[in-house]
């Protein structure tokens, strides 16, 4: 658990941290229209996501689903993915085989990586009417070279925020090519109060909090967002009148 003093002062720290990051000067030109949140999910848990679609709909919340292993999905799962998209959610990209791209790049060229892990999955998705414009790194593994190459193909790339600098997970309209999602899964080991404080802080900064999970459920699996946690985050966002964005909507 985080000390109460840390949690109580987090909203103020958020704004200070934003101002000290490497983005452009924080002013009206960089503001989003209002405080907001971008909920994201990774991998290929289509059946699970579809099951919880009514929960997202009940809060009029839009989310982004970064899909890997698309060619291995069944026709029924692809149809569920289309329904998810029809509900206003974004279908985004997460590679073919979910390899650690840094490790892959250590044994292969960038051209081979693009040819094996990026293009085939995109082509398969295009064929079925999905046109991903944003990307998330498997395991959050990336470097500057990957960022540069993949932002030639995608509006933005999303890694993971594994640091204690939670402000890295906030984005503005003028600083949004490289995103760092704050984990919601059990593996994040964050107390629920942290998410509430982040949402409180984002309301007054005209920025967007990027969150990331995998499955949604009721048990203690490592890569699972407890459904009660997700519901409480959605409820808190609604109480604060925060806007829900997809990743493509906050990416130039």
C-alpha atoms as a PDB file:
ATOM      1  CA  UNK A   1       0.000   0.000   0.000  1.00  0.00           C
ATOM      2  CA  UNK A   2       1.096   3.554  -0.664  1.00  0.00           C
ATOM      3  CA  UNK A   3       1.420   5.980   2.296  1.00  0.00           C
ATOM      4  CA  UNK A   4      -1.719   8.123   2.777  1.00  0.00           C
ATOM      5  CA  UNK A   5       0.296  11.330   2.414  1.00  0.00           C
ATOM      6  CA  UNK A   6       1.456  10.181  -1.036  1.00  0.00           C
ATOM      7  CA  UNK A   7      -2.067   9.408  -2.164  1.00  0.00           C
ATOM      8  CA  UNK A   8      -3.489  12.630  -0.722  1.00  0.00           C
ATOM      9  CA  UNK A   9      -0.939  14.793  -2.524  1.00  0.00           C
ATOM     10  CA  UNK A  10      -0.948  12.877  -5.803  1.00  0.00           C
ATOM     11  CA  UNK A  11      -3.362  15.184  -7.628  1.00  0.00           C
ATOM     12  CA  UNK A  12      -1.047  18.139  -7.098  1.00  0.00           C
ATOM     13  CA  UNK A  13       2.021  16.114  -8.058  1.00  0.00           C
ATOM     14  CA  UNK A  14       0.364  15.106 -11.341  1.00  0.00           C
ATOM     15  CA  UNK A  15       0.264  18.674 -12.636  1.00  0.00           C
ATOM     16  CA  UNK A  16       3.831  19.409 -11.528  1.00  0.00           C
ATOM     17  CA  UNK A  17       5.069  16.219 -13.165  1.00  0.00           C
ATOM     18  CA  UNK A  18       3.319  16.993 -16.439  1.00  0.00           C
ATOM     19  CA  UNK A  19       5.004  20.351 -16.598  1.00  0.00           C
ATOM     20  CA  UNK A  20       8.407  18.741 -16.108  1.00  0.00           C
ATOM     21  CA  UNK A  21       8.104  16.084 -18.816  1.00  0.00           C
ATOM     22  CA  UNK A  22       9.673  16.357 -22.242  1.00  0.00           C
ATOM     23  CA  UNK A  23       6.508  17.511 -23.999  1.00  0.00           C
ATOM     24  CA  UNK A  24       5.750  20.952 -25.317  1.00  0.00           C
ATOM     25  CA  UNK A  25       4.768  23.764 -22.970  1.00  0.00           C
ATOM     26  CA  UNK A  26       1.507  23.080 -21.130  1.00  0.00           C
ATOM     27  CA  UNK A  27      -0.995  25.653 -22.329  1.00  0.00           C
ATOM     28  CA  UNK A  28      -4.418  25.858 -23.960  1.00  0.00           C
ATOM     29  CA  UNK A  29      -3.072  24.805 -27.328  1.00  0.00           C
ATOM     30  CA  UNK A  30      -2.010  21.489 -25.802  1.00  0.00           C
ATOM     31  CA  UNK A  31      -5.150  20.868 -23.778  1.00  0.00           C
ATOM     32  CA  UNK A  32      -7.757  18.269 -24.535  1.00  0.00           C
ATOM     33  CA  UNK A  33     -11.309  19.676 -24.350  1.00  0.00           C
ATOM     34  CA  UNK A  34     -11.789  18.293 -20.821  1.00  0.00           C
ATOM     35  CA  UNK A  35     -10.294  15.858 -18.365  1.00  0.00           C
ATOM     36  CA  UNK A  36     -10.559  12.360 -19.781  1.00  0.00           C
ATOM     37  CA  UNK A  37      -9.576   8.705 -19.562  1.00  0.00           C
ATOM     38  CA  UNK A  38      -8.561   6.109 -22.162  1.00  0.00           C
ATOM     39  CA  UNK A  39      -9.248   2.502 -21.124  1.00  0.00           C
ATOM     40  CA  UNK A  40      -7.199  -0.084 -23.045  1.00  0.00           C
ATOM     41  CA  UNK A  41      -6.992  -3.880 -23.124  1.00  0.00           C
ATOM     42  CA  UNK A  42      -4.308  -6.091 -24.678  1.00  0.00           C
ATOM     43  CA  UNK A  43      -4.009  -9.507 -26.355  1.00  0.00           C
ATOM     44  CA  UNK A  44      -6.815 -11.646 -27.805  1.00  0.00           C
ATOM     45  CA  UNK A  45      -9.336 -12.240 -25.010  1.00  0.00           C
ATOM     46  CA  UNK A  46     -12.237 -11.495 -27.333  1.00  0.00           C
ATOM     47  CA  UNK A  47     -14.777 -13.748 -25.608  1.00  0.00           C
ATOM     48  CA  UNK A  48     -13.980 -12.157 -22.257  1.00  0.00           C
ATOM     49  CA  UNK A  49     -14.148  -8.604 -23.630  1.00  0.00           C
ATOM     50  CA  UNK A  50     -17.433  -9.347 -25.342  1.00  0.00           C
ATOM     51  CA  UNK A  51     -18.861 -10.698 -22.070  1.00  0.00           C
ATOM     52  CA  UNK A  52     -18.165  -7.377 -20.356  1.00  0.00           C
ATOM     53  CA  UNK A  53     -19.315  -5.185 -23.222  1.00  0.00           C
ATOM     54  CA  UNK A  54     -22.577  -4.397 -21.338  1.00  0.00           C
ATOM     55  CA  UNK A  55     -20.516  -3.075 -18.415  1.00  0.00           C
ATOM     56  CA  UNK A  56     -18.684  -0.609 -20.662  1.00  0.00           C
ATOM     57  CA  UNK A  57     -21.931   0.304 -22.414  1.00  0.00           C
ATOM     58  CA  UNK A  58     -23.682   0.972 -19.102  1.00  0.00           C
ATOM     59  CA  UNK A  59     -21.222   3.824 -18.465  1.00  0.00           C
ATOM     60  CA  UNK A  60     -21.169   4.927 -22.103  1.00  0.00           C
ATOM     61  CA  UNK A  61     -17.442   4.211 -21.974  1.00  0.00           C
ATOM     62  CA  UNK A  62     -15.329   3.703 -25.080  1.00  0.00           C
ATOM     63  CA  UNK A  63     -12.239   1.492 -24.855  1.00  0.00           C
ATOM     64  CA  UNK A  64      -9.380   0.436 -27.105  1.00  0.00           C
ATOM     65  CA  UNK A  65      -8.602  -3.249 -27.678  1.00  0.00           C
ATOM     66  CA  UNK A  66      -5.070  -4.024 -28.877  1.00  0.00           C
ATOM     67  CA  UNK A  67      -5.360  -7.388 -30.638  1.00  0.00           C
ATOM     68  CA  UNK A  68      -2.621  -9.920 -31.275  1.00  0.00           C
ATOM     69  CA  UNK A  69      -2.787 -13.362 -32.941  1.00  0.00           C
ATOM     70  CA  UNK A  70      -5.676 -12.162 -35.095  1.00  0.00           C
ATOM     71  CA  UNK A  71      -5.370 -15.007 -37.618  1.00  0.00           C
ATOM     72  CA  UNK A  72      -5.915 -17.532 -34.817  1.00  0.00           C
ATOM     73  CA  UNK A  73      -9.309 -16.087 -33.880  1.00  0.00           C
ATOM     74  CA  UNK A  74     -12.364 -18.117 -34.814  1.00  0.00           C
ATOM     75  CA  UNK A  75     -15.025 -16.701 -37.105  1.00  0.00           C
ATOM     76  CA  UNK A  76     -17.280 -16.335 -34.056  1.00  0.00           C
ATOM     77  CA  UNK A  77     -14.606 -14.333 -32.227  1.00  0.00           C
ATOM     78  CA  UNK A  78     -14.011 -12.113 -35.247  1.00  0.00           C
ATOM     79  CA  UNK A  79     -17.736 -11.439 -35.353  1.00  0.00           C
ATOM     80  CA  UNK A  80     -17.688 -10.510 -31.657  1.00  0.00           C
ATOM     81  CA  UNK A  81     -14.808  -8.156 -32.385  1.00  0.00           C
ATOM     82  CA  UNK A  82     -16.929  -6.500 -35.080  1.00  0.00           C
ATOM     83  CA  UNK A  83     -19.761  -6.054 -32.592  1.00  0.00           C
ATOM     84  CA  UNK A  84     -17.340  -4.530 -30.090  1.00  0.00           C
ATOM     85  CA  UNK A  85     -16.247  -2.088 -32.796  1.00  0.00           C
ATOM     86  CA  UNK A  86     -19.847  -1.308 -33.685  1.00  0.00           C
ATOM     87  CA  UNK A  87     -20.397  -0.265 -30.071  1.00  0.00           C
ATOM     88  CA  UNK A  88     -17.895   2.562 -30.581  1.00  0.00           C
ATOM     89  CA  UNK A  89     -14.740   0.888 -29.317  1.00  0.00           C
ATOM     90  CA  UNK A  90     -11.418   0.917 -31.129  1.00  0.00           C
ATOM     91  CA  UNK A  91      -9.808  -2.238 -32.501  1.00  0.00           C
ATOM     92  CA  UNK A  92      -6.054  -1.637 -32.492  1.00  0.00           C
ATOM     93  CA  UNK A  93      -2.901  -3.692 -33.123  1.00  0.00           C
ATOM     94  CA  UNK A  94      -0.596  -5.774 -30.905  1.00  0.00           C
ATOM     95  CA  UNK A  95       1.578  -7.892 -33.328  1.00  0.00           C
ATOM     96  CA  UNK A  96       1.194 -11.372 -34.814  1.00  0.00           C
ATOM     97  CA  UNK A  97       2.838 -13.567 -32.179  1.00  0.00           C
ATOM     98  CA  UNK A  98       3.195 -11.334 -29.119  1.00  0.00           C
ATOM     99  CA  UNK A  99       6.971 -11.596 -29.092  1.00  0.00           C
ATOM    100  CA  UNK A 100       9.143  -9.329 -27.009  1.00  0.00           C
ATOM    101  CA  UNK A 101      10.148  -7.010 -29.860  1.00  0.00           C
ATOM    102  CA  UNK A 102      13.427  -5.958 -28.280  1.00  0.00           C
ATOM    103  CA  UNK A 103      14.529  -9.585 -28.018  1.00  0.00           C
ATOM    104  CA  UNK A 104      13.268 -10.262 -31.530  1.00  0.00           C
ATOM    105  CA  UNK A 105      15.219  -7.292 -32.844  1.00  0.00           C
ATOM    106  CA  UNK A 106      18.342  -8.676 -31.222  1.00  0.00           C
ATOM    107  CA  UNK A 107      18.220 -11.642 -33.613  1.00  0.00           C
ATOM    108  CA  UNK A 108      16.478 -10.146 -36.654  1.00  0.00           C
ATOM    109  CA  UNK A 109      16.558  -6.960 -38.685  1.00  0.00           C
ATOM    110  CA  UNK A 110      13.920  -4.251 -38.426  1.00  0.00           C
ATOM    111  CA  UNK A 111      12.797  -5.204 -41.932  1.00  0.00           C
ATOM    112  CA  UNK A 112      12.248  -8.801 -40.808  1.00  0.00           C
ATOM    113  CA  UNK A 113      10.361  -7.629 -37.724  1.00  0.00           C
ATOM    114  CA  UNK A 114       8.008  -5.486 -39.796  1.00  0.00           C
ATOM    115  CA  UNK A 115       7.603  -8.260 -42.357  1.00  0.00           C
ATOM    116  CA  UNK A 116       6.838 -10.996 -39.820  1.00  0.00           C
ATOM    117  CA  UNK A 117       5.224  -9.316 -36.812  1.00  0.00           C
ATOM    118  CA  UNK A 118       3.491  -6.247 -38.199  1.00  0.00           C
ATOM    119  CA  UNK A 119       2.418  -6.517 -41.836  1.00  0.00           C
ATOM    120  CA  UNK A 120       0.837 -10.019 -41.907  1.00  0.00           C
ATOM    121  CA  UNK A 121      -1.537  -9.310 -39.026  1.00  0.00           C
ATOM    122  CA  UNK A 122      -2.508  -5.932 -40.412  1.00  0.00           C
ATOM    123  CA  UNK A 123      -3.222  -7.461 -43.819  1.00  0.00           C
ATOM    124  CA  UNK A 124      -5.433 -10.122 -42.238  1.00  0.00           C
ATOM    125  CA  UNK A 125      -7.330  -7.517 -40.246  1.00  0.00           C
ATOM    126  CA  UNK A 126      -7.738  -5.242 -43.275  1.00  0.00           C
ATOM    127  CA  UNK A 127      -9.203  -8.144 -45.209  1.00  0.00           C
ATOM    128  CA  UNK A 128     -11.914  -8.480 -42.563  1.00  0.00           C
ATOM    129  CA  UNK A 129     -12.666  -4.773 -42.348  1.00  0.00           C
ATOM    130  CA  UNK A 130     -10.502  -3.775 -39.376  1.00  0.00           C
ATOM    131  CA  UNK A 131      -8.051  -0.919 -39.931  1.00  0.00           C
ATOM    132  CA  UNK A 132      -5.897  -0.416 -36.823  1.00  0.00           C
ATOM    133  CA  UNK A 133      -4.210   2.968 -36.535  1.00  0.00           C
ATOM    134  CA  UNK A 134      -2.585   2.611 -33.092  1.00  0.00           C
ATOM    135  CA  UNK A 135      -0.188   0.044 -31.635  1.00  0.00           C
ATOM    136  CA  UNK A 136       0.754  -1.426 -28.247  1.00  0.00           C
ATOM    137  CA  UNK A 137       4.049  -3.175 -27.477  1.00  0.00           C
ATOM    138  CA  UNK A 138       3.884  -6.763 -26.176  1.00  0.00           C
ATOM    139  CA  UNK A 139       5.223  -6.756 -22.602  1.00  0.00           C
ATOM    140  CA  UNK A 140       5.713  -3.004 -23.056  1.00  0.00           C
ATOM    141  CA  UNK A 141       9.144  -3.818 -24.501  1.00  0.00           C
ATOM    142  CA  UNK A 142      10.476  -1.107 -26.824  1.00  0.00           C
ATOM    143  CA  UNK A 143      13.307   1.302 -27.589  1.00  0.00           C
ATOM    144  CA  UNK A 144      13.802   4.523 -29.511  1.00  0.00           C
ATOM    145  CA  UNK A 145      14.452   2.706 -32.791  1.00  0.00           C
ATOM    146  CA  UNK A 146      11.178   0.783 -32.556  1.00  0.00           C
ATOM    147  CA  UNK A 147       9.285   3.926 -31.593  1.00  0.00           C
ATOM    148  CA  UNK A 148      10.578   5.780 -34.644  1.00  0.00           C
ATOM    149  CA  UNK A 149       9.854   2.956 -37.095  1.00  0.00           C
ATOM    150  CA  UNK A 150       6.408   2.073 -35.784  1.00  0.00           C
ATOM    151  CA  UNK A 151       5.180   5.655 -35.568  1.00  0.00           C
ATOM    152  CA  UNK A 152       5.777   5.765 -39.317  1.00  0.00           C
ATOM    153  CA  UNK A 153       3.002   3.164 -39.554  1.00  0.00           C
ATOM    154  CA  UNK A 154       0.776   4.059 -36.589  1.00  0.00           C
ATOM    155  CA  UNK A 155      -0.549   7.293 -35.114  1.00  0.00           C
ATOM    156  CA  UNK A 156       0.828   6.312 -31.714  1.00  0.00           C
ATOM    157  CA  UNK A 157       2.562   3.499 -29.848  1.00  0.00           C
ATOM    158  CA  UNK A 158       1.669   2.508 -26.294  1.00  0.00           C
ATOM    159  CA  UNK A 159       4.103   0.966 -23.832  1.00  0.00           C
ATOM    160  CA  UNK A 160       3.623   0.292 -20.110  1.00  0.00           C
ATOM    161  CA  UNK A 161       4.264   2.623 -17.215  1.00  0.00           C
ATOM    162  CA  UNK A 162       6.189   0.458 -14.790  1.00  0.00           C
ATOM    163  CA  UNK A 163       7.635   3.434 -12.932  1.00  0.00           C
ATOM    164  CA  UNK A 164       6.493   5.378  -9.899  1.00  0.00           C
ATOM    165  CA  UNK A 165       6.149   8.460 -12.120  1.00  0.00           C
ATOM    166  CA  UNK A 166       2.420   8.030 -12.669  1.00  0.00           C
ATOM    167  CA  UNK A 167       2.255  11.260 -14.673  1.00  0.00           C
ATOM    168  CA  UNK A 168       3.866   9.348 -17.561  1.00  0.00           C
ATOM    169  CA  UNK A 169       0.397   7.873 -18.082  1.00  0.00           C
ATOM    170  CA  UNK A 170      -1.138  11.272 -18.766  1.00  0.00           C
ATOM    171  CA  UNK A 171      -1.320  12.629 -22.300  1.00  0.00           C
ATOM    172  CA  UNK A 172      -2.156  15.966 -23.887  1.00  0.00           C
ATOM    173  CA  UNK A 173      -3.318  16.806 -27.381  1.00  0.00           C
ATOM    174  CA  UNK A 174       0.162  17.968 -28.402  1.00  0.00           C
ATOM    175  CA  UNK A 175       2.165  15.139 -26.797  1.00  0.00           C
ATOM    176  CA  UNK A 176       0.632  11.863 -27.805  1.00  0.00           C
ATOM    177  CA  UNK A 177       2.776   9.716 -30.124  1.00  0.00           C
ATOM    178  CA  UNK A 178       4.368   7.758 -27.284  1.00  0.00           C
ATOM    179  CA  UNK A 179       1.960   6.631 -24.567  1.00  0.00           C
ATOM    180  CA  UNK A 180       2.542   4.771 -21.300  1.00  0.00           C
ATOM    181  CA  UNK A 181      -0.458   2.936 -19.870  1.00  0.00           C
ATOM    182  CA  UNK A 182      -0.867   2.580 -16.113  1.00  0.00           C
ATOM    183  CA  UNK A 183      -1.667  -1.038 -15.276  1.00  0.00           C
ATOM    184  CA  UNK A 184      -5.074  -2.010 -13.877  1.00  0.00           C
ATOM    185  CA  UNK A 185      -4.378  -5.760 -13.592  1.00  0.00           C
ATOM    186  CA  UNK A 186      -3.770  -7.567 -10.318  1.00  0.00           C
ATOM    187  CA  UNK A 187      -0.103  -7.735 -11.323  1.00  0.00           C
ATOM    188  CA  UNK A 188       0.170  -3.937 -11.050  1.00  0.00           C
ATOM    189  CA  UNK A 189      -0.155  -4.133  -7.257  1.00  0.00           C
ATOM    190  CA  UNK A 190      -1.690  -0.665  -7.203  1.00  0.00           C
ATOM    191  CA  UNK A 191      -4.314   0.161  -4.566  1.00  0.00           C
ATOM    192  CA  UNK A 192      -7.684   1.257  -5.919  1.00  0.00           C
ATOM    193  CA  UNK A 193      -7.207   4.628  -4.237  1.00  0.00           C
ATOM    194  CA  UNK A 194      -4.383   5.378  -6.670  1.00  0.00           C
ATOM    195  CA  UNK A 195      -6.761   5.256  -9.650  1.00  0.00           C
ATOM    196  CA  UNK A 196      -9.268   7.488  -7.873  1.00  0.00           C
ATOM    197  CA  UNK A 197      -6.572  10.062  -7.100  1.00  0.00           C
ATOM    198  CA  UNK A 198      -5.333   9.971 -10.683  1.00  0.00           C
ATOM    199  CA  UNK A 199      -8.853  10.554 -11.950  1.00  0.00           C
ATOM    200  CA  UNK A 200      -9.348  13.402  -9.469  1.00  0.00           C
ATOM    201  CA  UNK A 201      -6.129  14.963 -10.690  1.00  0.00           C
ATOM    202  CA  UNK A 202      -6.847  14.573 -14.380  1.00  0.00           C
ATOM    203  CA  UNK A 203     -10.116  16.475 -14.083  1.00  0.00           C
ATOM    204  CA  UNK A 204      -8.209  19.674 -13.383  1.00  0.00           C
ATOM    205  CA  UNK A 205      -5.378  19.226 -15.898  1.00  0.00           C
ATOM    206  CA  UNK A 206      -7.272  18.868 -19.204  1.00  0.00           C
ATOM    207  CA  UNK A 207      -5.291  15.724 -19.949  1.00  0.00           C
ATOM    208  CA  UNK A 208      -6.120  12.078 -20.510  1.00  0.00           C
ATOM    209  CA  UNK A 209      -5.219   9.209 -18.187  1.00  0.00           C
ATOM    210  CA  UNK A 210      -4.229   6.070 -20.129  1.00  0.00           C
ATOM    211  CA  UNK A 211      -4.996   2.770 -18.367  1.00  0.00           C
ATOM    212  CA  UNK A 212      -4.214  -0.777 -19.490  1.00  0.00           C
ATOM    213  CA  UNK A 213      -5.465  -4.248 -18.617  1.00  0.00           C
ATOM    214  CA  UNK A 214      -5.869  -7.650 -20.222  1.00  0.00           C
ATOM    215  CA  UNK A 215      -8.799  -9.811 -19.122  1.00  0.00           C
ATOM    216  CA  UNK A 216     -11.701  -8.695 -16.947  1.00  0.00           C
ATOM    217  CA  UNK A 217     -12.986 -10.916 -14.178  1.00  0.00           C
ATOM    218  CA  UNK A 218     -13.613 -11.850 -10.578  1.00  0.00           C
ATOM    219  CA  UNK A 219     -10.544 -13.877  -9.561  1.00  0.00           C
ATOM    220  CA  UNK A 220      -6.950 -13.100  -8.635  1.00  0.00           C
ATOM    221  CA  UNK A 221      -5.310 -14.043 -11.937  1.00  0.00           C
ATOM    222  CA  UNK A 222      -2.172 -12.022 -12.580  1.00  0.00           C
ATOM    223  CA  UNK A 223      -3.249 -10.491 -15.896  1.00  0.00           C
ATOM    224  CA  UNK A 224      -6.822  -9.729 -15.000  1.00  0.00           C
ATOM    225  CA  UNK A 225      -8.588  -6.514 -14.068  1.00  0.00           C
ATOM    226  CA  UNK A 226     -11.037  -7.268 -11.252  1.00  0.00           C
ATOM    227  CA  UNK A 227     -14.479  -6.387 -12.543  1.00  0.00           C
ATOM    228  CA  UNK A 228     -15.207  -4.437  -9.351  1.00  0.00           C
ATOM    229  CA  UNK A 229     -12.093  -2.334  -9.939  1.00  0.00           C
ATOM    230  CA  UNK A 230     -13.058  -1.599 -13.533  1.00  0.00           C
ATOM    231  CA  UNK A 231     -16.599  -0.735 -12.482  1.00  0.00           C
ATOM    232  CA  UNK A 232     -15.364   1.621  -9.766  1.00  0.00           C
ATOM    233  CA  UNK A 233     -12.983   3.353 -12.208  1.00  0.00           C
ATOM    234  CA  UNK A 234     -15.817   3.835 -14.702  1.00  0.00           C
ATOM    235  CA  UNK A 235     -18.126   5.067 -11.944  1.00  0.00           C
ATOM    236  CA  UNK A 236     -15.542   7.533 -10.632  1.00  0.00           C
ATOM    237  CA  UNK A 237     -14.880   8.855 -14.146  1.00  0.00           C
ATOM    238  CA  UNK A 238     -18.593   9.406 -14.685  1.00  0.00           C
ATOM    239  CA  UNK A 239     -18.989  11.167 -11.338  1.00  0.00           C
ATOM    240  CA  UNK A 240     -16.169  13.536 -12.334  1.00  0.00           C
ATOM    241  CA  UNK A 241     -17.707  14.084 -15.776  1.00  0.00           C
ATOM    242  CA  UNK A 242     -14.557  12.836 -17.493  1.00  0.00           C
ATOM    243  CA  UNK A 243     -14.739  12.033 -21.189  1.00  0.00           C
ATOM    244  CA  UNK A 244     -13.859   8.552 -22.453  1.00  0.00           C
ATOM    245  CA  UNK A 245     -11.516   8.529 -25.433  1.00  0.00           C
ATOM    246  CA  UNK A 246     -10.166   5.778 -27.637  1.00  0.00           C
ATOM    247  CA  UNK A 247      -6.423   5.867 -28.276  1.00  0.00           C
ATOM    248  CA  UNK A 248      -6.855   6.920 -31.908  1.00  0.00           C
ATOM    249  CA  UNK A 249      -8.920   9.894 -30.744  1.00  0.00           C
ATOM    250  CA  UNK A 250      -6.086  11.236 -28.600  1.00  0.00           C
ATOM    251  CA  UNK A 251      -3.376  10.452 -31.182  1.00  0.00           C
ATOM    252  CA  UNK A 252      -2.386  12.852 -33.945  1.00  0.00           C
END
